[in-house]
C-alpha cells in the first residue's frame, strides 16, 4: 500500500517559519492530488493546501500568501512551507494523497505532526 511519513513539525515563535515534509512510498500512479490538512484542538479538520499532478494549487483563505505547497517528483515528496506563523496555525498537520485512477484509488494519510506557534 501507499504509505506517507511526515517530518518537520515542532515549536516556533509567532512570525517564524517552518517547513513540513511528507515522503510517499509505493506507487501512486499518474493521476493523484496531494495535500495538507490540519486539526486544531476543539476544531474540525480543515484542508490547508492541495497540489495537483499538473502543478496547480489551492489554499485555505487564511493561509494564502503565507503558506506554499510544493512537490519533488524525483523524491516522491510533498512540502508545506509556512511563513509568518501565528498562534491560530497551531494544529496537528496531516499530509494526504488522493489517488484518482487505477488500482489504488482512495485516500492515504500521514501519521500527523504537531505544529505549535507560541512565544
Protein backbone atom coordinates (compact mmCIF):
# COMPACT_ATOMS: atom_id res chain seq x y z
CA UNK A 1 0.00 0.00 0.00
CA UNK A 2 0.93 3.67 -0.28
CA UNK A 3 2.44 5.00 2.94
CA UNK A 4 3.17 8.61 3.91
CA UNK A 5 5.79 9.65 6.50
CA UNK A 6 5.74 13.23 7.81
CA UNK A 7 8.52 15.29 9.37
CA UNK A 8 9.35 18.90 10.24
CA UNK A 9 6.89 19.80 12.99
CA UNK A 10 7.72 21.35 16.34
CA UNK A 11 7.70 24.63 18.24
CA UNK A 12 8.08 28.03 16.57
CA UNK A 13 7.61 31.64 17.69
CA UNK A 14 4.92 33.89 16.19
CA UNK A 15 6.17 35.39 12.95
CA UNK A 16 8.53 32.49 12.38
CA UNK A 17 8.70 29.87 9.66
CA UNK A 18 8.58 26.11 9.43
CA UNK A 19 8.74 23.56 6.63
CA UNK A 20 6.87 20.27 6.69
CA UNK A 21 7.79 17.30 4.53
CA UNK A 22 5.87 14.19 3.58
CA UNK A 23 7.57 11.31 1.79
CA UNK A 24 5.48 8.72 -0.01
CA UNK A 25 6.35 5.08 -0.55
CA UNK A 26 4.53 2.88 -3.01
CA UNK A 27 3.17 3.75 -6.42
CA UNK A 28 0.52 6.47 -6.61
CA UNK A 29 0.13 6.42 -10.37
CA UNK A 30 -0.13 9.41 -12.67
CA UNK A 31 -3.49 10.82 -11.54
CA UNK A 32 -3.49 11.99 -7.94
CA UNK A 33 -3.76 15.03 -5.69
CA UNK A 34 -1.56 15.64 -2.66
CA UNK A 35 -2.42 17.99 0.15
CA UNK A 36 -2.06 19.11 3.73
CA UNK A 37 -4.82 19.14 6.34
CA UNK A 38 -4.73 20.38 9.91
CA UNK A 39 -6.78 19.89 13.05
CA UNK A 40 -6.61 22.30 15.98
CA UNK A 41 -7.91 21.47 19.48
CA UNK A 42 -11.69 21.59 19.55
CA UNK A 43 -11.96 22.22 15.81
CA UNK A 44 -12.76 20.17 12.73
CA UNK A 45 -10.05 19.01 10.38
CA UNK A 46 -9.63 21.51 7.55
CA UNK A 47 -7.92 21.43 4.19
CA UNK A 48 -4.90 23.75 4.16
CA UNK A 49 -3.48 23.30 0.67
CA UNK A 50 -3.56 20.97 -2.32
CA UNK A 51 -1.31 20.42 -5.31
CA UNK A 52 -2.37 18.58 -8.44
CA UNK A 53 -0.30 16.37 -10.72
CA UNK A 54 -0.08 19.19 -13.25
CA UNK A 55 1.21 21.62 -10.62
CA UNK A 56 -1.95 23.59 -9.89
CA UNK A 57 -2.52 24.59 -6.25
CA UNK A 58 -5.30 25.69 -3.92
CA UNK A 59 -5.08 27.21 -0.43
CA UNK A 60 -7.23 27.85 2.58
CA UNK A 61 -8.04 31.58 2.59
CA UNK A 62 -6.41 32.20 5.96
CA UNK A 63 -3.02 30.88 4.77
CA UNK A 64 -2.89 32.47 1.32
CA UNK A 65 0.27 34.49 0.89
CA UNK A 66 1.90 32.80 3.89
CA UNK A 67 1.98 29.08 3.03
CA UNK A 68 3.35 27.42 -0.10
CA UNK A 69 2.77 23.81 -1.11
CA UNK A 70 5.24 22.15 -3.47
CA UNK A 71 6.36 18.71 -4.57
CA UNK A 72 9.52 16.95 -5.66
CA UNK A 73 8.53 14.18 -8.04
CA UNK A 74 12.01 12.63 -8.06
CA UNK A 75 11.90 12.20 -4.27
CA UNK A 76 8.18 11.41 -4.16
CA UNK A 77 7.79 14.11 -1.52
CA UNK A 78 5.36 16.97 -0.86
CA UNK A 79 6.28 20.03 1.21
CA UNK A 80 4.47 22.78 3.06
CA UNK A 81 6.47 25.96 3.63
CA UNK A 82 4.82 28.02 6.37
CA UNK A 83 5.82 31.66 6.91
CA UNK A 84 4.52 34.43 9.17
CA UNK A 85 3.09 31.87 11.55
CA UNK A 86 0.61 32.91 14.21
CA UNK A 87 -0.95 31.05 17.16
CA UNK A 88 -4.05 30.24 15.09
CA UNK A 89 -1.84 27.99 12.96
CA UNK A 90 -1.25 25.69 15.92
CA UNK A 91 -2.58 22.25 14.99
CA UNK A 92 -1.71 18.71 14.07
CA UNK A 93 -0.86 18.71 10.38
CA UNK A 94 -1.59 15.69 8.20
CA UNK A 95 -0.43 15.04 4.67
CA UNK A 96 -2.78 13.29 2.29
CA UNK A 97 -2.72 11.75 -1.14
CA UNK A 98 -5.90 11.13 -3.10
CA UNK A 99 -5.39 8.66 -5.92
CA UNK A 100 -8.00 9.36 -8.58
CA UNK A 101 -7.50 6.49 -11.03
CA UNK A 102 -6.13 2.98 -11.04
CA UNK A 103 -5.99 0.00 -8.74
CA UNK A 104 -5.10 2.02 -5.61
CA UNK A 105 -7.91 4.60 -5.89
CA UNK A 106 -8.63 6.18 -2.50
CA UNK A 107 -7.22 8.38 0.27
CA UNK A 108 -3.99 7.75 2.18
CA UNK A 109 -2.81 9.69 5.25
CA UNK A 110 0.38 10.53 7.07
CA UNK A 111 0.72 9.99 10.80
CA UNK A 112 0.35 13.68 11.69
CA UNK A 113 2.89 16.14 13.07
CA UNK A 114 2.32 18.76 15.78
CA UNK A 115 2.96 22.41 14.93
CA UNK A 116 2.84 24.79 17.90
CA UNK A 117 3.17 28.56 17.46
CA UNK A 118 3.83 30.24 20.80
CA UNK A 119 6.10 32.81 22.45
